[in-house]
């Protein structure tokens, strides 16, 4: 029986051909080129593709290459409708191949072209060869650059990686979700012990950055967190400035440790004069405090520079809340 990896190789070629060389792929190509400012070179490097509106096309291509349709349904590569029709799960989507640590295509991510589609992003379902929590987008393309630079940059989304890469920041990957998993952290550790996290500049991004840093630190990875200013996310930053040196100087070189990042960013989101918000901040802080007593005291000391409780009062409050 032909393998799922083999099917993914043919699909990668099909999708890329449809995007780069067909009339049907023009809308997707123009969106990438003129709306997201993705270059032809980047599309080729990452083998970005387009899945046809004719959802049976990929089924027929795989059949023509000797793949058994029912076997491909079992392996979750082909979908089947309630009426028994086979179809491509990514039809009418821009498609991003995802490579495993062996550099093989283990799955795909797809972005909807239809503005009315409520599911903007869709990933391959979990299978024997693809588990979302085990993989990182851009890992294949980033490995050699991570070794050259001596550190890895962790982003959140496909377009963060694509924009960074074409602006010559190539030691970067994306987590395929909001927060890093322990499995992804171990994959990162297999190629470097130094990471700078640069996620979206919102509350969800702040929390995810802190959680991801904690996971990396727990396995011995040196971790800093960078902040994007004057942009919502790295994708927008690179489209706005298109300047590697600016990014390095403004984001990477100014990256700070988890304690400083979490506390200073959280303080920016609250009114310190409001008692409810002050205690809400304390409740959130409890979830982040490290187990090491000395480190914990460092966290509390920094937090109290903003909260300004009387000496010993902050520790008493934290103890009452069970931290």
Protein backbone atom coordinates (compact mmCIF):
# COMPACT_ATOMS: atom_id res chain seq x y z
CA UNK A 1 0.00 0.00 0.00
CA UNK A 2 1.33 3.44 -0.92
CA UNK A 3 2.18 5.67 2.03
CA UNK A 4 0.58 8.86 3.30
CA UNK A 5 3.96 10.55 2.90
CA UNK A 6 3.89 9.62 -0.79
CA UNK A 7 0.41 11.10 -1.20
CA UNK A 8 1.53 14.32 0.49
CA UNK A 9 4.45 14.67 -1.94
CA UNK A 10 2.09 14.52 -4.93
CA UNK A 11 -0.37 16.92 -3.27
CA UNK A 12 2.39 19.39 -2.47
CA UNK A 13 3.36 19.44 -6.16
CA UNK A 14 -0.26 19.66 -7.31
CA UNK A 15 -1.17 22.52 -4.99
CA UNK A 16 1.98 24.48 -5.82
CA UNK A 17 1.38 24.01 -9.56
CA UNK A 18 -2.23 25.23 -9.24
CA UNK A 19 -1.07 28.36 -7.40
CA UNK A 20 1.90 29.29 -9.54
CA UNK A 21 0.92 28.14 -13.03
CA UNK A 22 -2.85 28.08 -13.56
CA UNK A 23 -5.67 30.52 -14.20
CA UNK A 24 -7.66 28.89 -11.41
CA UNK A 25 -4.97 29.79 -8.91
CA UNK A 26 -4.77 33.46 -9.91
CA UNK A 27 -7.01 34.78 -7.12
CA UNK A 28 -4.97 32.97 -4.49
CA UNK A 29 -1.70 34.06 -6.11
CA UNK A 30 -2.84 37.70 -6.31
CA UNK A 31 -3.96 37.60 -2.67
CA UNK A 32 -0.57 36.36 -1.56
CA UNK A 33 1.31 38.74 -3.84
CA UNK A 34 -0.71 41.94 -3.55
CA UNK A 35 -2.44 41.71 -0.17
CA UNK A 36 0.05 39.76 1.96
CA UNK A 37 3.15 40.84 -0.03
CA UNK A 38 4.55 37.33 -0.37
CA UNK A 39 7.16 37.07 -3.14
CA UNK A 40 7.38 34.35 -5.79
CA UNK A 41 10.67 33.24 -4.25
CA UNK A 42 9.04 32.76 -0.84
CA UNK A 43 6.11 30.88 -2.38
CA UNK A 44 8.58 28.52 -4.04
CA UNK A 45 10.81 28.12 -0.99
CA UNK A 46 7.88 27.15 1.24
CA UNK A 47 6.01 25.32 -1.57
CA UNK A 48 2.84 27.29 -0.88
CA UNK A 49 -0.09 26.06 -2.95
CA UNK A 50 -3.76 26.33 -3.78
CA UNK A 51 -6.41 23.59 -3.55
CA UNK A 52 -8.85 23.65 -6.44
CA UNK A 53 -12.54 24.54 -6.12
CA UNK A 54 -13.03 21.28 -8.00
CA UNK A 55 -12.73 19.26 -4.81
CA UNK A 56 -12.48 16.02 -6.79
CA UNK A 57 -9.32 17.05 -8.62
CA UNK A 58 -6.91 15.92 -5.91
CA UNK A 59 -8.83 12.65 -5.58
CA UNK A 60 -8.41 11.94 -9.27
CA UNK A 61 -4.73 12.89 -9.23
CA UNK A 62 -4.02 10.53 -6.34
CA UNK A 63 -5.99 7.74 -8.06
CA UNK A 64 -3.97 8.29 -11.24
CA UNK A 65 -0.77 7.84 -9.21
CA UNK A 66 -1.93 4.51 -7.86
CA UNK A 67 -3.26 5.52 -4.45
CA UNK A 68 -6.25 3.63 -3.10
CA UNK A 69 -9.09 6.07 -2.40
CA UNK A 70 -10.52 4.21 0.57
CA UNK A 71 -7.07 3.90 2.12
CA UNK A 72 -6.58 7.67 1.72
CA UNK A 73 -9.93 8.23 3.46
CA UNK A 74 -8.80 6.02 6.34
CA UNK A 75 -5.60 8.03 6.59
CA UNK A 76 -7.65 11.27 6.62
CA UNK A 77 -6.06 12.68 3.45
CA UNK A 78 -9.31 12.50 1.46
CA UNK A 79 -12.73 13.32 2.93
CA UNK A 80 -15.99 11.60 2.05
CA UNK A 81 -19.40 13.27 2.19
CA UNK A 82 -22.59 11.82 3.64
CA UNK A 83 -23.67 11.04 0.07
CA UNK A 84 -20.49 9.07 -0.54
CA UNK A 85 -18.61 11.63 -2.66
CA UNK A 86 -14.86 11.96 -2.15
CA UNK A 87 -13.44 15.47 -1.82
CA UNK A 88 -10.38 17.51 -0.91
CA UNK A 89 -10.63 18.86 2.68
CA UNK A 90 -8.69 21.97 1.60
CA UNK A 91 -10.71 22.86 -1.50
CA UNK A 92 -10.54 26.56 -2.43
CA UNK A 93 -7.89 27.31 0.18
CA UNK A 94 -4.32 28.53 0.09
CA UNK A 95 -2.29 25.56 1.31
CA UNK A 96 0.87 25.53 3.46
CA UNK A 97 2.83 22.24 3.58
CA UNK A 98 4.05 21.28 7.05
CA UNK A 99 7.29 19.29 7.32
CA UNK A 100 8.33 17.01 10.16
CA UNK A 101 11.80 16.71 11.66
CA UNK A 102 12.76 14.34 8.82
CA UNK A 103 11.90 17.06 6.26
CA UNK A 104 8.92 15.08 4.96
CA UNK A 105 5.49 16.60 4.31
CA UNK A 106 3.41 15.26 7.19
CA UNK A 107 0.37 17.53 6.82
CA UNK A 108 -1.04 20.80 5.52
CA UNK A 109 -2.53 24.02 6.78
CA UNK A 110 -5.12 25.84 4.69
CA UNK A 111 -6.40 29.40 4.64
CA UNK A 112 -9.90 30.07 3.32
CA UNK A 113 -10.29 32.23 0.22
CA UNK A 114 -14.01 32.77 0.81
CA UNK A 115 -14.48 35.75 3.14
CA UNK A 116 -17.74 34.24 4.38
CA UNK A 117 -16.08 31.02 5.47
CA UNK A 118 -16.22 31.04 9.27
CA UNK A 119 -13.25 28.65 9.47
CA UNK A 120 -10.42 30.89 8.32
CA UNK A 121 -7.65 28.36 9.01
CA UNK A 122 -7.85 24.58 8.76
CA UNK A 123 -5.18 22.02 9.63
CA UNK A 124 -4.80 18.41 8.59
CA UNK A 125 -6.48 16.14 11.15
CA UNK A 126 -4.25 14.21 13.50
CA UNK A 127 -2.94 11.00 12.00
CA UNK A 128 -0.17 8.51 12.63
CA UNK A 129 2.32 10.81 10.85
CA UNK A 130 0.90 14.21 11.77
CA UNK A 131 0.24 15.60 15.21
CA UNK A 132 -0.05 19.34 15.42
CA UNK A 133 1.65 19.52 18.81
CA UNK A 134 4.76 17.74 17.47
CA UNK A 135 5.54 20.06 14.56
CA UNK A 136 6.59 23.63 13.83
CA UNK A 137 5.87 25.59 10.66
CA UNK A 138 9.08 26.56 8.88
CA UNK A 139 11.25 24.12 10.84
CA UNK A 140 12.70 22.58 7.67
CA UNK A 141 13.64 25.98 6.20
CA UNK A 142 14.94 27.41 9.49
CA UNK A 143 17.29 24.70 10.77
CA UNK A 144 20.47 25.73 8.97
CA UNK A 145 19.91 29.41 9.77
CA UNK A 146 19.29 28.66 13.46
CA UNK A 147 22.68 26.98 13.61
CA UNK A 148 24.30 29.97 11.86
CA UNK A 149 22.68 32.59 14.10
CA UNK A 150 22.92 30.59 17.32
CA UNK A 151 19.28 31.08 18.30
CA UNK A 152 15.71 30.52 17.11
CA UNK A 153 12.86 33.02 16.86
CA UNK A 154 9.41 31.66 17.74
CA UNK A 155 6.43 33.25 15.99
CA UNK A 156 2.76 32.29 15.99
CA UNK A 157 1.53 32.13 12.40
CA UNK A 158 2.39 31.15 8.84
CA UNK A 159 2.60 34.71 7.57
CA UNK A 160 4.87 35.80 10.43
CA UNK A 161 7.40 33.22 9.26
CA UNK A 162 6.95 33.98 5.56
CA UNK A 163 7.38 37.73 5.97
CA UNK A 164 10.37 37.34 8.28
CA UNK A 165 12.05 34.87 5.92
CA UNK A 166 11.77 37.10 2.88
CA UNK A 167 13.13 39.99 4.94
CA UNK A 168 16.22 37.84 5.63
CA UNK A 169 15.22 36.86 9.19
CA UNK A 170 15.34 33.14 8.46
CA UNK A 171 16.04 31.50 11.82
CA UNK A 172 12.33 31.44 12.65
CA UNK A 173 9.44 29.03 13.07
CA UNK A 174 5.76 29.21 14.06
CA UNK A 175 4.03 27.16 16.72
CA UNK A 176 0.93 26.24 14.63
CA UNK A 177 -1.22 27.61 17.44
CA UNK A 178 -1.33 30.23 20.17
CA UNK A 179 0.95 28.53 22.71
CA UNK A 180 3.96 26.27 22.44
CA UNK A 181 3.60 22.61 23.44
CA UNK A 182 6.17 20.54 25.39
CA UNK A 183 6.71 18.40 22.27
CA UNK A 184 7.47 21.47 20.15
CA UNK A 185 9.81 22.73 22.85
CA UNK A 186 11.79 19.49 22.68
CA UNK A 187 11.94 19.78 18.89
CA UNK A 188 13.42 23.28 19.29
CA UNK A 189 15.91 22.04 21.89
CA UNK A 190 17.14 19.45 19.37
CA UNK A 191 18.70 22.29 17.32
CA UNK A 192 19.34 25.13 19.80
CA UNK A 193 19.36 26.12 23.48
CA UNK A 194 18.55 29.78 22.76
CA UNK A 195 15.12 31.16 21.83
CA UNK A 196 13.52 34.58 21.44
CA UNK A 197 9.72 34.50 21.50
CA UNK A 198 7.93 37.15 19.42
CA UNK A 199 4.16 36.69 19.42
CA UNK A 200 1.22 39.03 18.79
CA UNK A 201 1.09 42.32 20.65
CA UNK A 202 -2.17 41.70 22.52
CA UNK A 203 -3.26 40.17 25.84
CA UNK A 204 -3.51 36.68 24.36
CA UNK A 205 -0.02 37.09 22.92
CA UNK A 206 1.37 38.26 26.27
CA UNK A 207 -0.08 35.25 28.09
CA UNK A 208 1.04 32.82 25.37
CA UNK A 209 4.55 34.28 25.40
CA UNK A 210 4.84 33.75 29.15
CA UNK A 211 3.49 30.19 28.96
CA UNK A 212 5.77 29.30 26.05
CA UNK A 213 8.80 30.75 27.83
CA UNK A 214 7.98 28.72 30.94
CA UNK A 215 7.80 25.49 28.93
CA UNK A 216 11.15 26.20 27.27
CA UNK A 217 12.83 27.19 30.53
CA UNK A 218 11.64 23.97 32.17
CA UNK A 219 13.71 21.93 29.71
CA UNK A 220 16.79 24.12 30.01
CA UNK A 221 16.38 26.44 27.03
CA UNK A 222 17.57 30.04 27.48
CA UNK A 223 14.53 32.13 26.62
CA UNK A 224 13.83 35.83 26.09
CA UNK A 225 10.65 37.56 24.91
CA UNK A 226 10.60 40.35 22.35
CA UNK A 227 7.90 42.99 21.98
CA UNK A 228 6.49 44.28 18.69
CA UNK A 229 5.79 48.00 18.85
CA UNK A 230 3.64 49.96 16.39
CA UNK A 231 2.28 46.76 14.83
CA UNK A 232 -0.23 44.06 15.75
CA UNK A 233 2.04 41.15 14.92
CA UNK A 234 5.37 40.27 13.23
CA UNK A 235 3.67 39.87 9.84
CA UNK A 236 2.40 43.47 9.94
CA UNK A 237 5.75 44.70 11.31
CA UNK A 238 7.71 43.27 8.38
CA UNK A 239 5.18 44.46 5.81
CA UNK A 240 5.37 47.94 7.34
CA UNK A 241 9.15 48.33 7.68
CA UNK A 242 10.75 45.59 5.50
CA UNK A 243 13.94 46.03 7.48
CA UNK A 244 15.88 43.19 9.08
CA UNK A 245 18.25 45.44 11.01
CA UNK A 246 15.37 47.43 12.46
CA UNK A 247 13.71 44.22 13.65
CA UNK A 248 16.94 42.96 15.19
CA UNK A 249 17.61 46.26 16.95
CA UNK A 250 14.05 47.04 18.06
CA UNK A 251 12.79 43.56 18.91
CA UNK A 252 15.53 40.95 19.27
CA UNK A 253 18.19 43.04 21.02
CA UNK A 254 15.58 44.51 23.38
CA UNK A 255 14.10 41.13 24.32
CA UNK A 256 13.76 40.58 28.08
CA UNK A 257 13.27 37.65 30.44
CA UNK A 258 9.88 36.16 31.25
CA UNK A 259 9.59 37.84 34.65
CA UNK A 260 10.19 41.37 33.34
CA UNK A 261 8.06 40.81 30.24
CA UNK A 262 5.05 39.36 32.00
CA UNK A 263 4.90 41.86 34.84
CA UNK A 264 5.60 45.01 32.83
CA UNK A 265 3.19 44.02 30.05
CA UNK A 266 0.42 43.09 32.48
CA UNK A 267 0.82 46.35 34.35
CA UNK A 268 0.33 48.23 31.08
CA UNK A 269 -3.13 46.64 30.71
CA UNK A 270 -4.53 47.60 34.13
CA UNK A 271 -5.44 50.69 36.13
CA UNK A 272 -3.21 50.49 39.19
CA UNK A 273 -5.56 52.81 41.04
CA UNK A 274 -8.40 50.31 40.74
CA UNK A 275 -8.36 47.79 43.65
CA UNK A 276 -10.23 45.13 41.68
CA UNK A 277 -7.76 45.29 38.82
CA UNK A 278 -4.81 45.21 41.22
CA UNK A 279 -6.08 42.03 42.86
CA UNK A 280 -6.98 40.51 39.49
CA UNK A 281 -3.37 41.10 38.47
CA UNK A 282 -2.24 39.31 41.65
CA UNK A 283 -4.43 36.33 40.84
CA UNK A 284 -2.93 36.13 37.35
CA UNK A 285 0.57 36.51 38.80
CA UNK A 286 0.04 33.51 41.08
CA UNK A 287 -0.29 31.29 38.02
CA UNK A 288 3.10 32.42 36.73
CA UNK A 289 5.20 32.36 39.89
CA UNK A 290 8.12 29.91 39.65
CA UNK A 291 8.58 27.16 42.25
CA UNK A 292 12.08 28.26 43.21
CA UNK A 293 11.74 30.42 46.33
CA UNK A 294 14.50 32.87 45.38
CA UNK A 295 13.08 33.37 41.88
CA UNK A 296 9.60 33.75 43.33
CA UNK A 297 10.78 36.52 45.62
CA UNK A 298 12.39 38.27 42.65
CA UNK A 299 9.03 38.16 40.84
CA UNK A 300 7.19 39.54 43.85
CA UNK A 301 9.74 42.28 44.39
CA UNK A 302 9.40 43.46 40.78
CA UNK A 303 5.60 43.29 40.93
CA UNK A 304 5.57 45.36 44.11
CA UNK A 305 7.55 48.13 42.43
CA UNK A 306 4.27 48.81 40.62
CA UNK A 307 1.73 47.74 43.25
CA UNK A 308 3.58 49.38 46.16
CA UNK A 309 2.07 47.39 48.99
CA UNK A 310 3.59 47.90 52.47
CA UNK A 311 6.63 45.73 53.23
CA UNK A 312 5.60 42.12 53.73
CA UNK A 313 1.97 42.83 52.78
CA UNK A 314 2.28 41.46 49.24
CA UNK A 315 3.77 38.19 50.45
CA UNK A 316 1.00 37.89 53.02
CA UNK A 317 -1.66 38.42 50.33
CA UNK A 318 -0.05 35.85 48.04
CA UNK A 319 0.09 33.29 50.86
CA UNK A 320 -3.60 33.85 51.68
CA UNK A 321 -4.42 33.07 48.04
CA UNK A 322 -2.57 29.77 48.26
CA UNK A 323 0.39 30.44 45.95
